[in-house]
Amino acid sequence: AEMYQSNNSELPTLTRVLLAMSNFL
């Protein structure tokens, strides 16, 4: 997630779901 924050490109749906789950946990 830290590595992708510097990248402004849109992330795939699966990646966004996993990042949201990680933040929630």
mmCIF file of all heavy atoms, coordinates in Angstrom:
data_MODEL
# 
_entry.id   MODEL 
# 
loop_
_atom_site.group_PDB 
_atom_site.id 
_atom_site.type_symbol 
_atom_site.label_atom_id 
_atom_site.label_alt_id 
_atom_site.label_comp_id 
_atom_site.label_asym_id 
_atom_site.label_entity_id 
_atom_site.label_seq_id 
_atom_site.pdbx_PDB_ins_code 
_atom_site.Cartn_x 
_atom_site.Cartn_y 
_atom_site.Cartn_z 
_atom_site.occupancy 
_atom_site.B_iso_or_equiv 
_atom_site.pdbx_formal_charge 
_atom_site.auth_seq_id 
_atom_site.auth_comp_id 
_atom_site.auth_asym_id 
_atom_site.auth_atom_id 
_atom_site.pdbx_PDB_model_num 
ATOM 1   N N   . ALA A 1 1  ? 0.832   -1.215  0.000   1.00 0.00 ? 1  ALA A N   1 
ATOM 2   C CA  . ALA A 1 1  ? 0.000   0.000   0.000   1.00 0.00 ? 1  ALA A CA  1 
ATOM 3   C C   . ALA A 1 1  ? 0.861   1.258   0.000   1.00 0.00 ? 1  ALA A C   1 
ATOM 4   O O   . ALA A 1 1  ? 0.566   2.232   -0.710  1.00 0.00 ? 1  ALA A O   1 
ATOM 5   C CB  . ALA A 1 1  ? -0.919  -0.013  1.227   1.00 0.00 ? 1  ALA A CB  1 
ATOM 6   N N   . GLU A 1 2  ? 1.955   1.259   0.785   1.00 0.00 ? 2  GLU A N   1 
ATOM 7   C CA  . GLU A 1 2  ? 2.877   2.404   0.811   1.00 0.00 ? 2  GLU A CA  1 
ATOM 8   C C   . GLU A 1 2  ? 3.532   2.604   -0.549  1.00 0.00 ? 2  GLU A C   1 
ATOM 9   O O   . GLU A 1 2  ? 3.746   3.736   -0.988  1.00 0.00 ? 2  GLU A O   1 
ATOM 10  C CB  . GLU A 1 2  ? 3.945   2.162   1.880   1.00 0.00 ? 2  GLU A CB  1 
ATOM 11  C CG  . GLU A 1 2  ? 3.407   2.201   3.303   1.00 0.00 ? 2  GLU A CG  1 
ATOM 12  C CD  . GLU A 1 2  ? 4.470   1.843   4.336   1.00 0.00 ? 2  GLU A CD  1 
ATOM 13  O OE1 . GLU A 1 2  ? 5.642   1.647   3.915   1.00 0.00 ? 2  GLU A OE1 1 
ATOM 14  O OE2 . GLU A 1 2  ? 4.147   1.751   5.534   1.00 0.00 ? 2  GLU A OE2 1 
ATOM 15  N N   . MET A 1 3  ? 3.837   1.502   -1.210  1.00 0.00 ? 3  MET A N   1 
ATOM 16  C CA  . MET A 1 3  ? 4.490   1.598   -2.520  1.00 0.00 ? 3  MET A CA  1 
ATOM 17  C C   . MET A 1 3  ? 3.532   2.167   -3.568  1.00 0.00 ? 3  MET A C   1 
ATOM 18  O O   . MET A 1 3  ? 3.922   2.948   -4.436  1.00 0.00 ? 3  MET A O   1 
ATOM 19  C CB  . MET A 1 3  ? 4.970   0.210   -2.935  1.00 0.00 ? 3  MET A CB  1 
ATOM 20  C CG  . MET A 1 3  ? 5.735   0.176   -4.256  1.00 0.00 ? 3  MET A CG  1 
ATOM 21  S SD  . MET A 1 3  ? 6.393   -1.470  -4.622  1.00 0.00 ? 3  MET A SD  1 
ATOM 22  C CE  . MET A 1 3  ? 4.880   -2.375  -4.895  1.00 0.00 ? 3  MET A CE  1 
ATOM 23  N N   . TYR A 1 4  ? 2.233   1.817   -3.452  1.00 0.00 ? 4  TYR A N   1 
ATOM 24  C CA  . TYR A 1 4  ? 1.260   2.260   -4.453  1.00 0.00 ? 4  TYR A CA  1 
ATOM 25  C C   . TYR A 1 4  ? 0.748   3.677   -4.195  1.00 0.00 ? 4  TYR A C   1 
ATOM 26  O O   . TYR A 1 4  ? 0.110   4.281   -5.067  1.00 0.00 ? 4  TYR A O   1 
ATOM 27  C CB  . TYR A 1 4  ? 0.071   1.292   -4.504  1.00 0.00 ? 4  TYR A CB  1 
ATOM 28  C CG  . TYR A 1 4  ? 0.441   -0.095  -4.977  1.00 0.00 ? 4  TYR A CG  1 
ATOM 29  C CD1 . TYR A 1 4  ? -0.195  -1.221  -4.441  1.00 0.00 ? 4  TYR A CD1 1 
ATOM 30  C CD2 . TYR A 1 4  ? 1.416   -0.285  -5.964  1.00 0.00 ? 4  TYR A CD2 1 
ATOM 31  C CE1 . TYR A 1 4  ? 0.126   -2.495  -4.853  1.00 0.00 ? 4  TYR A CE1 1 
ATOM 32  C CE2 . TYR A 1 4  ? 1.747   -1.566  -6.391  1.00 0.00 ? 4  TYR A CE2 1 
ATOM 33  C CZ  . TYR A 1 4  ? 1.109   -2.669  -5.831  1.00 0.00 ? 4  TYR A CZ  1 
ATOM 34  O OH  . TYR A 1 4  ? 1.434   -3.925  -6.253  1.00 0.00 ? 4  TYR A OH  1 
ATOM 35  N N   . GLN A 1 5  ? 1.003   4.220   -2.999  1.00 0.00 ? 5  GLN A N   1 
ATOM 36  C CA  . GLN A 1 5  ? 0.528   5.575   -2.684  1.00 0.00 ? 5  GLN A CA  1 
ATOM 37  C C   . GLN A 1 5  ? 1.200   6.628   -3.560  1.00 0.00 ? 5  GLN A C   1 
ATOM 38  O O   . GLN A 1 5  ? 0.598   7.645   -3.899  1.00 0.00 ? 5  GLN A O   1 
ATOM 39  C CB  . GLN A 1 5  ? 0.783   5.888   -1.209  1.00 0.00 ? 5  GLN A CB  1 
ATOM 40  C CG  . GLN A 1 5  ? -0.274  5.321   -0.270  1.00 0.00 ? 5  GLN A CG  1 
ATOM 41  C CD  . GLN A 1 5  ? 0.019   5.624   1.183   1.00 0.00 ? 5  GLN A CD  1 
ATOM 42  O OE1 . GLN A 1 5  ? 1.091   6.147   1.505   1.00 0.00 ? 5  GLN A OE1 1 
ATOM 43  N NE2 . GLN A 1 5  ? -0.925  5.296   2.062   1.00 0.00 ? 5  GLN A NE2 1 
ATOM 44  N N   . SER A 1 6  ? 2.457   6.364   -3.892  1.00 0.00 ? 6  SER A N   1 
ATOM 45  C CA  . SER A 1 6  ? 3.192   7.321   -4.739  1.00 0.00 ? 6  SER A CA  1 
ATOM 46  C C   . SER A 1 6  ? 2.743   7.265   -6.192  1.00 0.00 ? 6  SER A C   1 
ATOM 47  O O   . SER A 1 6  ? 3.041   8.156   -6.982  1.00 0.00 ? 6  SER A O   1 
ATOM 48  C CB  . SER A 1 6  ? 4.701   7.036   -4.658  1.00 0.00 ? 6  SER A CB  1 
ATOM 49  O OG  . SER A 1 6  ? 4.970   5.700   -5.061  1.00 0.00 ? 6  SER A OG  1 
ATOM 50  N N   . ASN A 1 7  ? 2.037   6.214   -6.538  1.00 0.00 ? 7  ASN A N   1 
ATOM 51  C CA  . ASN A 1 7  ? 1.563   6.051   -7.915  1.00 0.00 ? 7  ASN A CA  1 
ATOM 52  C C   . ASN A 1 7  ? 0.111   6.527   -7.997  1.00 0.00 ? 7  ASN A C   1 
ATOM 53  O O   . ASN A 1 7  ? -0.756  6.050   -7.285  1.00 0.00 ? 7  ASN A O   1 
ATOM 54  C CB  . ASN A 1 7  ? 1.671   4.567   -8.298  1.00 0.00 ? 7  ASN A CB  1 
ATOM 55  C CG  . ASN A 1 7  ? 1.395   4.355   -9.787  1.00 0.00 ? 7  ASN A CG  1 
ATOM 56  O OD1 . ASN A 1 7  ? 1.129   5.301   -10.522 1.00 0.00 ? 7  ASN A OD1 1 
ATOM 57  N ND2 . ASN A 1 7  ? 1.448   3.103   -10.205 1.00 0.00 ? 7  ASN A ND2 1 
ATOM 58  N N   . ASN A 1 8  ? -0.141  7.495   -8.867  1.00 0.00 ? 8  ASN A N   1 
ATOM 59  C CA  . ASN A 1 8  ? -1.473  8.080   -8.990  1.00 0.00 ? 8  ASN A CA  1 
ATOM 60  C C   . ASN A 1 8  ? -2.412  7.287   -9.884  1.00 0.00 ? 8  ASN A C   1 
ATOM 61  O O   . ASN A 1 8  ? -3.582  7.640   -10.022 1.00 0.00 ? 8  ASN A O   1 
ATOM 62  C CB  . ASN A 1 8  ? -1.384  9.524   -9.519  1.00 0.00 ? 8  ASN A CB  1 
ATOM 63  C CG  . ASN A 1 8  ? -0.670  10.424  -8.519  1.00 0.00 ? 8  ASN A CG  1 
ATOM 64  O OD1 . ASN A 1 8  ? -0.826  10.252  -7.305  1.00 0.00 ? 8  ASN A OD1 1 
ATOM 65  N ND2 . ASN A 1 8  ? 0.111   11.368  -9.020  1.00 0.00 ? 8  ASN A ND2 1 
ATOM 66  N N   . SER A 1 9  ? -1.911  6.244   -10.519 1.00 0.00 ? 9  SER A N   1 
ATOM 67  C CA  . SER A 1 9  ? -2.748  5.452   -11.421 1.00 0.00 ? 9  SER A CA  1 
ATOM 68  C C   . SER A 1 9  ? -3.801  4.679   -10.637 1.00 0.00 ? 9  SER A C   1 
ATOM 69  O O   . SER A 1 9  ? -3.602  4.335   -9.473  1.00 0.00 ? 9  SER A O   1 
ATOM 70  C CB  . SER A 1 9  ? -1.894  4.473   -12.238 1.00 0.00 ? 9  SER A CB  1 
ATOM 71  O OG  . SER A 1 9  ? -1.211  3.591   -11.374 1.00 0.00 ? 9  SER A OG  1 
ATOM 72  N N   . GLU A 1 10 ? -4.913  4.405   -11.312 1.00 0.00 ? 10 GLU A N   1 
ATOM 73  C CA  . GLU A 1 10 ? -6.021  3.700   -10.661 1.00 0.00 ? 10 GLU A CA  1 
ATOM 74  C C   . GLU A 1 10 ? -5.650  2.239   -10.434 1.00 0.00 ? 10 GLU A C   1 
ATOM 75  O O   . GLU A 1 10 ? -5.153  1.559   -11.327 1.00 0.00 ? 10 GLU A O   1 
ATOM 76  C CB  . GLU A 1 10 ? -7.280  3.799   -11.531 1.00 0.00 ? 10 GLU A CB  1 
ATOM 77  C CG  . GLU A 1 10 ? -8.512  3.231   -10.835 1.00 0.00 ? 10 GLU A CG  1 
ATOM 78  C CD  . GLU A 1 10 ? -9.765  3.358   -11.686 1.00 0.00 ? 10 GLU A CD  1 
ATOM 79  O OE1 . GLU A 1 10 ? -9.674  3.990   -12.766 1.00 0.00 ? 10 GLU A OE1 1 
ATOM 80  O OE2 . GLU A 1 10 ? -10.810 2.815   -11.287 1.00 0.00 ? 10 GLU A OE2 1 
ATOM 81  N N   . LEU A 1 11 ? -5.915  1.756   -9.216  1.00 0.00 ? 11 LEU A N   1 
ATOM 82  C CA  . LEU A 1 11 ? -5.587  0.370   -8.850  1.00 0.00 ? 11 LEU A CA  1 
ATOM 83  C C   . LEU A 1 11 ? -6.713  -0.563  -9.266  1.00 0.00 ? 11 LEU A C   1 
ATOM 84  O O   . LEU A 1 11 ? -7.887  -0.174  -9.296  1.00 0.00 ? 11 LEU A O   1 
ATOM 85  C CB  . LEU A 1 11 ? -5.373  0.255   -7.340  1.00 0.00 ? 11 LEU A CB  1 
ATOM 86  C CG  . LEU A 1 11 ? -4.195  1.038   -6.755  1.00 0.00 ? 11 LEU A CG  1 
ATOM 87  C CD1 . LEU A 1 11 ? -4.214  0.955   -5.236  1.00 0.00 ? 11 LEU A CD1 1 
ATOM 88  C CD2 . LEU A 1 11 ? -2.870  0.502   -7.296  1.00 0.00 ? 11 LEU A CD2 1 
ATOM 89  N N   . PRO A 1 12 ? -6.382  -1.832  -9.580  1.00 0.00 ? 12 PRO A N   1 
ATOM 90  C CA  . PRO A 1 12 ? -7.422  -2.822  -9.914  1.00 0.00 ? 12 PRO A CA  1 
ATOM 91  C C   . PRO A 1 12 ? -8.387  -3.024  -8.742  1.00 0.00 ? 12 PRO A C   1 
ATOM 92  O O   . PRO A 1 12 ? -8.049  -2.798  -7.576  1.00 0.00 ? 12 PRO A O   1 
ATOM 93  C CB  . PRO A 1 12 ? -6.621  -4.096  -10.192 1.00 0.00 ? 12 PRO A CB  1 
ATOM 94  C CG  . PRO A 1 12 ? -5.237  -3.637  -10.500 1.00 0.00 ? 12 PRO A CG  1 
ATOM 95  C CD  . PRO A 1 12 ? -5.024  -2.382  -9.722  1.00 0.00 ? 12 PRO A CD  1 
ATOM 96  N N   . THR A 1 13 ? -9.594  -3.471  -9.045  1.00 0.00 ? 13 THR A N   1 
ATOM 97  C CA  . THR A 1 13 ? -10.633 -3.665  -8.026  1.00 0.00 ? 13 THR A CA  1 
ATOM 98  C C   . THR A 1 13 ? -10.178 -4.626  -6.934  1.00 0.00 ? 13 THR A C   1 
ATOM 99  O O   . THR A 1 13 ? -10.388 -4.380  -5.740  1.00 0.00 ? 13 THR A O   1 
ATOM 100 C CB  . THR A 1 13 ? -11.928 -4.194  -8.678  1.00 0.00 ? 13 THR A CB  1 
ATOM 101 O OG1 . THR A 1 13 ? -12.315 -3.313  -9.722  1.00 0.00 ? 13 THR A OG1 1 
ATOM 102 C CG2 . THR A 1 13 ? -13.045 -4.303  -7.648  1.00 0.00 ? 13 THR A CG2 1 
ATOM 103 N N   . LEU A 1 14 ? -9.556  -5.741  -7.326  1.00 0.00 ? 14 LEU A N   1 
ATOM 104 C CA  . LEU A 1 14 ? -9.094  -6.732  -6.356  1.00 0.00 ? 14 LEU A CA  1 
ATOM 105 C C   . LEU A 1 14 ? -8.082  -6.136  -5.384  1.00 0.00 ? 14 LEU A C   1 
ATOM 106 O O   . LEU A 1 14 ? -8.139  -6.383  -4.172  1.00 0.00 ? 14 LEU A O   1 
ATOM 107 C CB  . LEU A 1 14 ? -8.487  -7.934  -7.088  1.00 0.00 ? 14 LEU A CB  1 
ATOM 108 C CG  . LEU A 1 14 ? -7.944  -9.074  -6.211  1.00 0.00 ? 14 LEU A CG  1 
ATOM 109 C CD1 . LEU A 1 14 ? -9.046  -9.659  -5.327  1.00 0.00 ? 14 LEU A CD1 1 
ATOM 110 C CD2 . LEU A 1 14 ? -7.317  -10.181 -7.074  1.00 0.00 ? 14 LEU A CD2 1 
ATOM 111 N N   . THR A 1 15 ? -7.178  -5.314  -5.898  1.00 0.00 ? 15 THR A N   1 
ATOM 112 C CA  . THR A 1 15 ? -6.157  -4.680  -5.049  1.00 0.00 ? 15 THR A CA  1 
ATOM 113 C C   . THR A 1 15 ? -6.801  -3.708  -4.069  1.00 0.00 ? 15 THR A C   1 
ATOM 114 O O   . THR A 1 15 ? -6.430  -3.664  -2.889  1.00 0.00 ? 15 THR A O   1 
ATOM 115 C CB  . THR A 1 15 ? -5.130  -3.945  -5.926  1.00 0.00 ? 15 THR A CB  1 
ATOM 116 O OG1 . THR A 1 15 ? -4.614  -4.846  -6.903  1.00 0.00 ? 15 THR A OG1 1 
ATOM 117 C CG2 . THR A 1 15 ? -3.981  -3.406  -5.090  1.00 0.00 ? 15 THR A CG2 1 
ATOM 118 N N   . ARG A 1 16 ? -7.788  -2.928  -4.566  1.00 0.00 ? 16 ARG A N   1 
ATOM 119 C CA  . ARG A 1 16 ? -8.470  -1.973  -3.684  1.00 0.00 ? 16 ARG A CA  1 
ATOM 120 C C   . ARG A 1 16 ? -9.225  -2.687  -2.561  1.00 0.00 ? 16 ARG A C   1 
ATOM 121 O O   . ARG A 1 16 ? -9.225  -2.237  -1.407  1.00 0.00 ? 16 ARG A O   1 
ATOM 122 C CB  . ARG A 1 16 ? -9.441  -1.100  -4.498  1.00 0.00 ? 16 ARG A CB  1 
ATOM 123 C CG  . ARG A 1 16 ? -8.758  -0.145  -5.477  1.00 0.00 ? 16 ARG A CG  1 
ATOM 124 C CD  . ARG A 1 16 ? -9.671  1.027   -5.841  1.00 0.00 ? 16 ARG A CD  1 
ATOM 125 N NE  . ARG A 1 16 ? -10.960 0.561   -6.342  1.00 0.00 ? 16 ARG A NE  1 
ATOM 126 C CZ  . ARG A 1 16 ? -11.217 0.289   -7.631  1.00 0.00 ? 16 ARG A CZ  1 
ATOM 127 N NH1 . ARG A 1 16 ? -10.258 0.423   -8.537  1.00 0.00 ? 16 ARG A NH1 1 
ATOM 128 N NH2 . ARG A 1 16 ? -12.406 -0.128  -7.991  1.00 0.00 ? 16 ARG A NH2 1 
ATOM 129 N N   . VAL A 1 17 ? -9.851  -3.802  -2.892  1.00 0.00 ? 17 VAL A N   1 
ATOM 130 C CA  . VAL A 1 17 ? -10.578 -4.595  -1.879  1.00 0.00 ? 17 VAL A CA  1 
ATOM 131 C C   . VAL A 1 17 ? -9.622  -5.118  -0.818  1.00 0.00 ? 17 VAL A C   1 
ATOM 132 O O   . VAL A 1 17 ? -9.893  -5.039  0.387   1.00 0.00 ? 17 VAL A O   1 
ATOM 133 C CB  . VAL A 1 17 ? -11.341 -5.760  -2.553  1.00 0.00 ? 17 VAL A CB  1 
ATOM 134 C CG1 . VAL A 1 17 ? -11.881 -6.726  -1.500  1.00 0.00 ? 17 VAL A CG1 1 
ATOM 135 C CG2 . VAL A 1 17 ? -12.487 -5.225  -3.400  1.00 0.00 ? 17 VAL A CG2 1 
ATOM 136 N N   . LEU A 1 18 ? -8.468  -5.649  -1.250  1.00 0.00 ? 18 LEU A N   1 
ATOM 137 C CA  . LEU A 1 18 ? -7.476  -6.184  -0.307  1.00 0.00 ? 18 LEU A CA  1 
ATOM 138 C C   . LEU A 1 18 ? -6.894  -5.090  0.585   1.00 0.00 ? 18 LEU A C   1 
ATOM 139 O O   . LEU A 1 18 ? -6.698  -5.292  1.788   1.00 0.00 ? 18 LEU A O   1 
ATOM 140 C CB  . LEU A 1 18 ? -6.354  -6.895  -1.069  1.00 0.00 ? 18 LEU A CB  1 
ATOM 141 C CG  . LEU A 1 18 ? -6.726  -8.241  -1.718  1.00 0.00 ? 18 LEU A CG  1 
ATOM 142 C CD1 . LEU A 1 18 ? -5.599  -8.737  -2.602  1.00 0.00 ? 18 LEU A CD1 1 
ATOM 143 C CD2 . LEU A 1 18 ? -7.048  -9.282  -0.645  1.00 0.00 ? 18 LEU A CD2 1 
ATOM 144 N N   . LEU A 1 19 ? -6.629  -3.920  -0.003  1.00 0.00 ? 19 LEU A N   1 
ATOM 145 C CA  . LEU A 1 19 ? -6.107  -2.800  0.778   1.00 0.00 ? 19 LEU A CA  1 
ATOM 146 C C   . LEU A 1 19 ? -7.133  -2.318  1.812   1.00 0.00 ? 19 LEU A C   1 
ATOM 147 O O   . LEU A 1 19 ? -6.774  -1.989  2.951   1.00 0.00 ? 19 LEU A O   1 
ATOM 148 C CB  . LEU A 1 19 ? -5.717  -1.644  -0.143  1.00 0.00 ? 19 LEU A CB  1 
ATOM 149 C CG  . LEU A 1 19 ? -4.499  -1.904  -1.049  1.00 0.00 ? 19 LEU A CG  1 
ATOM 150 C CD1 . LEU A 1 19 ? -4.296  -0.727  -2.002  1.00 0.00 ? 19 LEU A CD1 1 
ATOM 151 C CD2 . LEU A 1 19 ? -3.236  -2.127  -0.207  1.00 0.00 ? 19 LEU A CD2 1 
ATOM 152 N N   . ALA A 1 20 ? -8.414  -2.299  1.415   1.00 0.00 ? 20 ALA A N   1 
ATOM 153 C CA  . ALA A 1 20 ? -9.482  -1.892  2.341   1.00 0.00 ? 20 ALA A CA  1 
ATOM 154 C C   . ALA A 1 20 ? -9.609  -2.897  3.484   1.00 0.00 ? 20 ALA A C   1 
ATOM 155 O O   . ALA A 1 20 ? -9.778  -2.519  4.653   1.00 0.00 ? 20 ALA A O   1 
ATOM 156 C CB  . ALA A 1 20 ? -10.806 -1.771  1.582   1.00 0.00 ? 20 ALA A CB  1 
ATOM 157 N N   . MET A 1 21 ? -9.524  -4.192  3.155   1.00 0.00 ? 21 MET A N   1 
ATOM 158 C CA  . MET A 1 21 ? -9.587  -5.236  4.191   1.00 0.00 ? 21 MET A CA  1 
ATOM 159 C C   . MET A 1 21 ? -8.409  -5.119  5.148   1.00 0.00 ? 21 MET A C   1 
ATOM 160 O O   . MET A 1 21 ? -8.561  -5.257  6.367   1.00 0.00 ? 21 MET A O   1 
ATOM 161 C CB  . MET A 1 21 ? -9.587  -6.628  3.536   1.00 0.00 ? 21 MET A CB  1 
ATOM 162 C CG  . MET A 1 21 ? -10.892 -7.003  2.854   1.00 0.00 ? 21 MET A CG  1 
ATOM 163 S SD  . MET A 1 21 ? -10.766 -8.596  1.992   1.00 0.00 ? 21 MET A SD  1 
ATOM 164 C CE  . MET A 1 21 ? -10.455 -9.711  3.361   1.00 0.00 ? 21 MET A CE  1 
ATOM 165 N N   . SER A 1 22 ? -7.232  -4.849  4.601   1.00 0.00 ? 22 SER A N   1 
ATOM 166 C CA  . SER A 1 22 ? -6.032  -4.706  5.425   1.00 0.00 ? 22 SER A CA  1 
ATOM 167 C C   . SER A 1 22 ? -6.158  -3.515  6.378   1.00 0.00 ? 22 SER A C   1 
ATOM 168 O O   . SER A 1 22 ? -5.845  -3.626  7.570   1.00 0.00 ? 22 SER A O   1 
ATOM 169 C CB  . SER A 1 22 ? -4.807  -4.526  4.526   1.00 0.00 ? 22 SER A CB  1 
ATOM 170 O OG  . SER A 1 22 ? -3.654  -4.306  5.294   1.00 0.00 ? 22 SER A OG  1 
ATOM 171 N N   . ASN A 1 23 ? -6.626  -2.385  5.865   1.00 0.00 ? 23 ASN A N   1 
ATOM 172 C CA  . ASN A 1 23 ? -6.814  -1.197  6.715   1.00 0.00 ? 23 ASN A CA  1 
ATOM 173 C C   . ASN A 1 23 ? -7.833  -1.451  7.820   1.00 0.00 ? 23 ASN A C   1 
ATOM 174 O O   . ASN A 1 23 ? -7.636  -1.049  8.972   1.00 0.00 ? 23 ASN A O   1 
ATOM 175 C CB  . ASN A 1 23 ? -7.265  -0.007  5.858   1.00 0.00 ? 23 ASN A CB  1 
ATOM 176 C CG  . ASN A 1 23 ? -6.129  0.516   4.991   1.00 0.00 ? 23 ASN A CG  1 
ATOM 177 O OD1 . ASN A 1 23 ? -4.951  0.398   5.349   1.00 0.00 ? 23 ASN A OD1 1 
ATOM 178 N ND2 . ASN A 1 23 ? -6.471  1.082   3.840   1.00 0.00 ? 23 ASN A ND2 1 
ATOM 179 N N   . PHE A 1 24 ? -8.944  -2.110  7.449   1.00 0.00 ? 24 PHE A N   1 
ATOM 180 C CA  . PHE A 1 24 ? -9.996  -2.399  8.426   1.00 0.00 ? 24 PHE A CA  1 
ATOM 181 C C   . PHE A 1 24 ? -9.473  -3.314  9.543   1.00 0.00 ? 24 PHE A C   1 
ATOM 182 O O   . PHE A 1 24 ? -9.739  -3.075  10.728  1.00 0.00 ? 24 PHE A O   1 
ATOM 183 C CB  . PHE A 1 24 ? -11.184 -3.053  7.720   1.00 0.00 ? 24 PHE A CB  1 
ATOM 184 C CG  . PHE A 1 24 ? -12.292 -3.445  8.650   1.00 0.00 ? 24 PHE A CG  1 
ATOM 185 C CD1 . PHE A 1 24 ? -13.160 -2.501  9.174   1.00 0.00 ? 24 PHE A CD1 1 
ATOM 186 C CD2 . PHE A 1 24 ? -12.462 -4.781  9.019   1.00 0.00 ? 24 PHE A CD2 1 
ATOM 187 C CE1 . PHE A 1 24 ? -14.172 -2.871  10.041  1.00 0.00 ? 24 PHE A CE1 1 
ATOM 188 C CE2 . PHE A 1 24 ? -13.467 -5.158  9.893   1.00 0.00 ? 24 PHE A CE2 1 
ATOM 189 C CZ  . PHE A 1 24 ? -14.331 -4.196  10.398  1.00 0.00 ? 24 PHE A CZ  1 
ATOM 190 N N   . LEU A 1 25 ? -8.709  -4.354  9.170   1.00 0.00 ? 25 LEU A N   1 
ATOM 191 C CA  . LEU A 1 25 ? -8.164  -5.287  10.158  1.00 0.00 ? 25 LEU A CA  1 
ATOM 192 C C   . LEU A 1 25 ? -7.169  -4.591  11.090  1.00 0.00 ? 25 LEU A C   1 
ATOM 193 O O   . LEU A 1 25 ? -7.167  -4.829  12.306  1.00 0.00 ? 25 LEU A O   1 
ATOM 194 C CB  . LEU A 1 25 ? -7.484  -6.459  9.459   1.00 0.00 ? 25 LEU A CB  1 
ATOM 195 C CG  . LEU A 1 25 ? -8.408  -7.533  8.867   1.00 0.00 ? 25 LEU A CG  1 
ATOM 196 C CD1 . LEU A 1 25 ? -7.615  -8.526  8.020   1.00 0.00 ? 25 LEU A CD1 1 
ATOM 197 C CD2 . LEU A 1 25 ? -9.146  -8.279  9.973   1.00 0.00 ? 25 LEU A CD2 1 
# 
